[in-house]
PDB file of N, CA and C in Angstrom:
ATOM      1  N   UNK A   1      -6.293  42.543   3.636  1.00  0.00           N
ATOM      2  CA  UNK A   1      -6.472  42.960   2.262  1.00  0.00           C
ATOM      3  C   UNK A   1      -7.785  43.717   2.079  1.00  0.00           C
ATOM      4  N   UNK A   2      -8.837  43.291   2.795  1.00  0.00           N
ATOM      5  CA  UNK A   2     -10.123  43.968   2.666  1.00  0.00           C
ATOM      6  C   UNK A   2     -10.064  45.383   3.246  1.00  0.00           C
ATOM      7  N   UNK A   3      -9.205  45.596   4.244  1.00  0.00           N
ATOM      8  CA  UNK A   3      -9.046  46.939   4.801  1.00  0.00           C
ATOM      9  C   UNK A   3      -8.459  47.862   3.750  1.00  0.00           C
ATOM     10  N   UNK A   4      -7.488  47.377   3.010  1.00  0.00           N
ATOM     11  CA  UNK A   4      -6.858  48.174   1.961  1.00  0.00           C
ATOM     12  C   UNK A   4      -7.861  48.523   0.860  1.00  0.00           C
ATOM     13  N   UNK A   5      -8.690  47.582   0.492  1.00  0.00           N
ATOM     14  CA  UNK A   5      -9.715  47.827  -0.528  1.00  0.00           C
ATOM     15  C   UNK A   5     -10.735  48.843  -0.007  1.00  0.00           C
ATOM     16  N   UNK A   6     -11.121  48.735   1.241  1.00  0.00           N
ATOM     17  CA  UNK A   6     -12.051  49.681   1.836  1.00  0.00           C
ATOM     18  C   UNK A   6     -11.485  51.089   1.876  1.00  0.00           C
ATOM     19  N   UNK A   7     -10.210  51.205   2.214  1.00  0.00           N
ATOM     20  CA  UNK A   7      -9.553  52.507   2.242  1.00  0.00           C
ATOM     21  C   UNK A   7      -9.484  53.090   0.837  1.00  0.00           C
ATOM     22  N   UNK A   8      -9.152  52.271  -0.134  1.00  0.00           N
ATOM     23  CA  UNK A   8      -9.059  52.739  -1.516  1.00  0.00           C
ATOM     24  C   UNK A   8     -10.425  53.206  -2.036  1.00  0.00           C
ATOM     25  N   UNK A   9     -11.461  52.448  -1.763  1.00  0.00           N
ATOM     26  CA  UNK A   9     -12.804  52.826  -2.202  1.00  0.00           C
ATOM     27  C   UNK A   9     -13.240  54.121  -1.520  1.00  0.00           C
ATOM     28  N   UNK A  10     -12.963  54.243  -0.230  1.00  0.00           N
ATOM     29  CA  UNK A  10     -13.314  55.466   0.489  1.00  0.00           C
ATOM     30  C   UNK A  10     -12.587  56.671  -0.096  1.00  0.00           C
ATOM     31  N   UNK A  11     -11.312  56.515  -0.381  1.00  0.00           N
ATOM     32  CA  UNK A  11     -10.526  57.601  -0.971  1.00  0.00           C
ATOM     33  C   UNK A  11     -11.085  58.001  -2.330  1.00  0.00           C
ATOM     34  N   UNK A  12     -11.439  57.026  -3.153  1.00  0.00           N
ATOM     35  CA  UNK A  12     -11.994  57.325  -4.468  1.00  0.00           C
ATOM     36  C   UNK A  12     -13.345  58.034  -4.372  1.00  0.00           C
ATOM     37  N   UNK A  13     -14.159  57.641  -3.409  1.00  0.00           N
ATOM     38  CA  UNK A  13     -15.458  58.298  -3.217  1.00  0.00           C
ATOM     39  C   UNK A  13     -15.258  59.740  -2.773  1.00  0.00           C
ATOM     40  N   UNK A  14     -14.294  59.972  -1.885  1.00  0.00           N
ATOM     41  CA  UNK A  14     -14.012  61.342  -1.435  1.00  0.00           C
ATOM     42  C   UNK A  14     -13.587  62.209  -2.612  1.00  0.00           C
ATOM     43  N   UNK A  15     -12.684  61.686  -3.436  1.00  0.00           N
ATOM     44  CA  UNK A  15     -12.214  62.447  -4.597  1.00  0.00           C
ATOM     45  C   UNK A  15     -13.368  62.720  -5.556  1.00  0.00           C
ATOM     46  N   UNK A  16     -14.223  61.741  -5.790  1.00  0.00           N
ATOM     47  CA  UNK A  16     -15.364  61.925  -6.686  1.00  0.00           C
ATOM     48  C   UNK A  16     -16.328  62.979  -6.155  1.00  0.00           C
ATOM     49  N   UNK A  17     -16.629  62.938  -4.867  1.00  0.00           N
ATOM     50  CA  UNK A  17     -17.548  63.909  -4.281  1.00  0.00           C
ATOM     51  C   UNK A  17     -16.944  65.311  -4.334  1.00  0.00           C
ATOM     52  N   UNK A  18     -15.643  65.436  -4.068  1.00  0.00           N
ATOM     53  CA  UNK A  18     -14.998  66.745  -4.157  1.00  0.00           C
ATOM     54  C   UNK A  18     -15.038  67.275  -5.589  1.00  0.00           C
ATOM     55  N   UNK A  19     -14.867  66.397  -6.556  1.00  0.00           N
ATOM     56  CA  UNK A  19     -14.963  66.807  -7.959  1.00  0.00           C
ATOM     57  C   UNK A  19     -16.378  67.287  -8.290  1.00  0.00           C
ATOM     58  N   UNK A  20     -17.369  66.559  -7.815  1.00  0.00           N
ATOM     59  CA  UNK A  20     -18.754  66.946  -8.090  1.00  0.00           C
ATOM     60  C   UNK A  20     -19.120  68.257  -7.401  1.00  0.00           C
ATOM     61  N   UNK A  21     -18.568  68.497  -6.219  1.00  0.00           N
ATOM     62  CA  UNK A  21     -18.816  69.767  -5.535  1.00  0.00           C
ATOM     63  C   UNK A  21     -18.245  70.918  -6.359  1.00  0.00           C
ATOM     64  N   UNK A  22     -17.096  70.705  -6.984  1.00  0.00           N
ATOM     65  CA  UNK A  22     -16.496  71.734  -7.825  1.00  0.00           C
ATOM     66  C   UNK A  22     -17.388  72.079  -9.011  1.00  0.00           C
ATOM     67  N   UNK A  23     -18.147  71.108  -9.481  1.00  0.00           N
ATOM     68  CA  UNK A  23     -19.010  71.312 -10.653  1.00  0.00           C
ATOM     69  C   UNK A  23     -20.328  72.006 -10.307  1.00  0.00           C
ATOM     70  N   UNK A  24     -20.680  72.070  -9.022  1.00  0.00           N
ATOM     71  CA  UNK A  24     -21.937  72.692  -8.618  1.00  0.00           C
ATOM     72  C   UNK A  24     -21.861  74.208  -8.761  1.00  0.00           C
ATOM     73  N   UNK A  25     -22.974  74.821  -9.125  1.00  0.00           N
ATOM     74  CA  UNK A  25     -22.987  76.290  -9.248  1.00  0.00           C
ATOM     75  C   UNK A  25     -23.179  76.967  -7.892  1.00  0.00           C
ATOM     76  N   UNK A  26     -22.163  76.916  -7.062  1.00  0.00           N
ATOM     77  CA  UNK A  26     -22.216  77.528  -5.739  1.00  0.00           C
ATOM     78  C   UNK A  26     -21.218  78.681  -5.676  1.00  0.00           C
ATOM     79  N   UNK A  27     -21.464  79.599  -4.756  1.00  0.00           N
ATOM     80  CA  UNK A  27     -20.472  80.652  -4.575  1.00  0.00           C
ATOM     81  C   UNK A  27     -19.259  80.089  -3.824  1.00  0.00           C
ATOM     82  N   UNK A  28     -18.201  80.845  -3.791  1.00  0.00           N
ATOM     83  CA  UNK A  28     -16.931  80.353  -3.251  1.00  0.00           C
ATOM     84  C   UNK A  28     -16.983  79.942  -1.803  1.00  0.00           C
ATOM     85  N   UNK A  29     -17.661  80.723  -0.975  1.00  0.00           N
ATOM     86  CA  UNK A  29     -17.712  80.431   0.464  1.00  0.00           C
ATOM     87  C   UNK A  29     -18.490  79.142   0.733  1.00  0.00           C
ATOM     88  N   UNK A  30     -19.626  78.979   0.075  1.00  0.00           N
ATOM     89  CA  UNK A  30     -20.439  77.773   0.263  1.00  0.00           C
ATOM     90  C   UNK A  30     -19.692  76.537  -0.234  1.00  0.00           C
ATOM     91  N   UNK A  31     -19.034  76.663  -1.362  1.00  0.00           N
ATOM     92  CA  UNK A  31     -18.266  75.539  -1.913  1.00  0.00           C
ATOM     93  C   UNK A  31     -17.154  75.129  -0.953  1.00  0.00           C
ATOM     94  N   UNK A  32     -16.500  76.109  -0.347  1.00  0.00           N
ATOM     95  CA  UNK A  32     -15.413  75.817   0.584  1.00  0.00           C
ATOM     96  C   UNK A  32     -15.940  75.098   1.820  1.00  0.00           C
ATOM     97  N   UNK A  33     -17.086  75.520   2.326  1.00  0.00           N
ATOM     98  CA  UNK A  33     -17.686  74.868   3.492  1.00  0.00           C
ATOM     99  C   UNK A  33     -18.051  73.426   3.169  1.00  0.00           C
ATOM    100  N   UNK A  34     -18.644  73.200   2.004  1.00  0.00           N
ATOM    101  CA  UNK A  34     -19.020  71.836   1.602  1.00  0.00           C
ATOM    102  C   UNK A  34     -17.775  70.968   1.448  1.00  0.00           C
ATOM    103  N   UNK A  35     -16.713  71.506   0.877  1.00  0.00           N
ATOM    104  CA  UNK A  35     -15.477  70.750   0.721  1.00  0.00           C
ATOM    105  C   UNK A  35     -14.885  70.370   2.069  1.00  0.00           C
ATOM    106  N   UNK A  36     -14.899  71.279   3.022  1.00  0.00           N
ATOM    107  CA  UNK A  36     -14.381  70.985   4.356  1.00  0.00           C
ATOM    108  C   UNK A  36     -15.200  69.885   5.017  1.00  0.00           C
ATOM    109  N   UNK A  37     -16.526  69.946   4.881  1.00  0.00           N
ATOM    110  CA  UNK A  37     -17.389  68.921   5.468  1.00  0.00           C
ATOM    111  C   UNK A  37     -17.100  67.552   4.841  1.00  0.00           C
ATOM    112  N   UNK A  38     -16.941  67.513   3.514  1.00  0.00           N
ATOM    113  CA  UNK A  38     -16.653  66.250   2.830  1.00  0.00           C
ATOM    114  C   UNK A  38     -15.306  65.699   3.282  1.00  0.00           C
ATOM    115  N   UNK A  39     -14.311  66.553   3.417  1.00  0.00           N
ATOM    116  CA  UNK A  39     -12.984  66.094   3.848  1.00  0.00           C
ATOM    117  C   UNK A  39     -13.027  65.562   5.275  1.00  0.00           C
ATOM    118  N   UNK A  40     -13.746  66.239   6.168  1.00  0.00           N
ATOM    119  CA  UNK A  40     -13.855  65.771   7.555  1.00  0.00           C
ATOM    120  C   UNK A  40     -14.552  64.416   7.610  1.00  0.00           C
ATOM    121  N   UNK A  41     -15.641  64.267   6.872  1.00  0.00           N
ATOM    122  CA  UNK A  41     -16.342  62.979   6.841  1.00  0.00           C
ATOM    123  C   UNK A  41     -15.432  61.899   6.267  1.00  0.00           C
ATOM    124  N   UNK A  42     -14.672  62.234   5.229  1.00  0.00           N
ATOM    125  CA  UNK A  42     -13.750  61.264   4.640  1.00  0.00           C
ATOM    126  C   UNK A  42     -12.659  60.838   5.591  1.00  0.00           C
ATOM    127  N   UNK A  43     -12.095  61.787   6.335  1.00  0.00           N
ATOM    128  CA  UNK A  43     -11.047  61.448   7.299  1.00  0.00           C
ATOM    129  C   UNK A  43     -11.609  60.561   8.402  1.00  0.00           C
ATOM    130  N   UNK A  44     -12.798  60.884   8.885  1.00  0.00           N
ATOM    131  CA  UNK A  44     -13.416  60.044   9.918  1.00  0.00           C
ATOM    132  C   UNK A  44     -13.693  58.635   9.401  1.00  0.00           C
ATOM    133  N   UNK A  45     -14.107  58.541   8.159  1.00  0.00           N
ATOM    134  CA  UNK A  45     -14.354  57.225   7.569  1.00  0.00           C
ATOM    135  C   UNK A  45     -13.063  56.427   7.427  1.00  0.00           C
ATOM    136  N   UNK A  46     -11.989  57.095   6.988  1.00  0.00           N
ATOM    137  CA  UNK A  46     -10.707  56.412   6.881  1.00  0.00           C
ATOM    138  C   UNK A  46     -10.189  55.976   8.238  1.00  0.00           C
ATOM    139  N   UNK A  47     -10.372  56.794   9.257  1.00  0.00           N
ATOM    140  CA  UNK A  47      -9.955  56.408  10.603  1.00  0.00           C
ATOM    141  C   UNK A  47     -10.752  55.207  11.097  1.00  0.00           C
ATOM    142  N   UNK A  48     -12.011  55.121  10.697  1.00  0.00           N
ATOM    143  CA  UNK A  48     -12.818  53.957  11.083  1.00  0.00           C
ATOM    144  C   UNK A  48     -12.272  52.683  10.443  1.00  0.00           C
ATOM    145  N   UNK A  49     -11.860  52.783   9.165  1.00  0.00           N
ATOM    146  CA  UNK A  49     -11.295  51.615   8.503  1.00  0.00           C
ATOM    147  C   UNK A  49      -9.973  51.199   9.115  1.00  0.00           C
ATOM    148  N   UNK A  50      -9.215  52.143   9.625  1.00  0.00           N
ATOM    149  CA  UNK A  50      -7.938  51.835  10.249  1.00  0.00           C
ATOM    150  C   UNK A  50      -8.088  51.434  11.703  1.00  0.00           C
ATOM    151  N   UNK A  51      -9.312  51.378  12.195  1.00  0.00           N
ATOM    152  CA  UNK A  51      -9.636  50.987  13.572  1.00  0.00           C
ATOM    153  C   UNK A  51      -8.987  51.901  14.587  1.00  0.00           C
ATOM    154  N   UNK A  52      -8.800  53.159  14.233  1.00  0.00           N
ATOM    155  CA  UNK A  52      -8.263  54.122  15.177  1.00  0.00           C
ATOM    156  C   UNK A  52      -9.388  54.664  16.037  1.00  0.00           C
ATOM    157  N   UNK A  53     -10.563  54.808  15.417  1.00  0.00           N
ATOM    158  CA  UNK A  53     -11.685  55.397  16.138  1.00  0.00           C
ATOM    159  C   UNK A  53     -12.933  54.634  15.888  1.00  0.00           C
TER     160      UNK A  53
END
Protein backbone atom coordinates (compact mmCIF):
# COMPACT_ATOMS: atom_id res chain seq x y z
CA UNK A 1 0.00 0.00 0.00
CA UNK A 2 2.87 2.39 0.76
CA UNK A 3 4.28 1.78 -2.73
CA UNK A 4 0.99 2.90 -4.25
CA UNK A 5 0.96 6.05 -2.11
CA UNK A 6 4.56 6.79 -3.09
CA UNK A 7 3.75 6.38 -6.77
CA UNK A 8 0.70 8.63 -6.45
CA UNK A 9 2.66 11.35 -4.63
CA UNK A 10 5.46 11.16 -7.21
CA UNK A 11 2.95 11.46 -10.06
CA UNK A 12 1.29 14.47 -8.43
CA UNK A 13 4.65 16.19 -7.90
CA UNK A 14 5.57 15.62 -11.55
CA UNK A 15 2.28 17.12 -12.71
CA UNK A 16 2.70 20.10 -10.37
CA UNK A 17 6.26 20.79 -11.54
CA UNK A 18 5.21 20.53 -15.19
CA UNK A 19 2.40 23.00 -14.50
CA UNK A 20 4.81 25.41 -12.82
CA UNK A 21 7.24 25.14 -15.73
CA UNK A 22 4.40 26.17 -18.05
CA UNK A 23 3.89 29.30 -15.95
CA UNK A 24 7.55 30.38 -16.17
CA UNK A 25 8.43 33.12 -18.65
CA UNK A 26 10.73 30.98 -20.78
CA UNK A 27 11.02 30.67 -24.52
CA UNK A 28 9.63 27.56 -26.19
CA UNK A 29 12.88 25.66 -26.63
CA UNK A 30 14.03 26.15 -23.03
CA UNK A 31 10.60 25.20 -21.69
CA UNK A 32 10.63 22.02 -23.76
CA UNK A 33 14.07 21.04 -22.47
CA UNK A 34 13.00 21.62 -18.85
CA UNK A 35 9.84 19.56 -19.40
CA UNK A 36 11.84 16.67 -20.84
CA UNK A 37 14.24 16.76 -17.88
CA UNK A 38 11.33 16.76 -15.40
CA UNK A 39 9.66 13.84 -17.18
CA UNK A 40 12.89 11.80 -17.24
CA UNK A 41 13.48 12.42 -13.53
CA UNK A 42 9.85 11.49 -12.83
CA UNK A 43 10.08 8.24 -14.78
CA UNK A 44 13.29 7.29 -12.99
CA UNK A 45 11.66 8.03 -9.66
CA UNK A 46 8.63 5.92 -10.52
CA UNK A 47 10.87 3.06 -11.62
CA UNK A 48 12.64 3.29 -8.27
CA UNK A 49 9.32 2.94 -6.45
CA UNK A 50 8.45 -0.08 -8.56
CA UNK A 51 11.85 -1.63 -7.70
CA UNK A 52 12.71 -2.00 -11.36
CA UNK A 53 15.88 0.03 -11.05
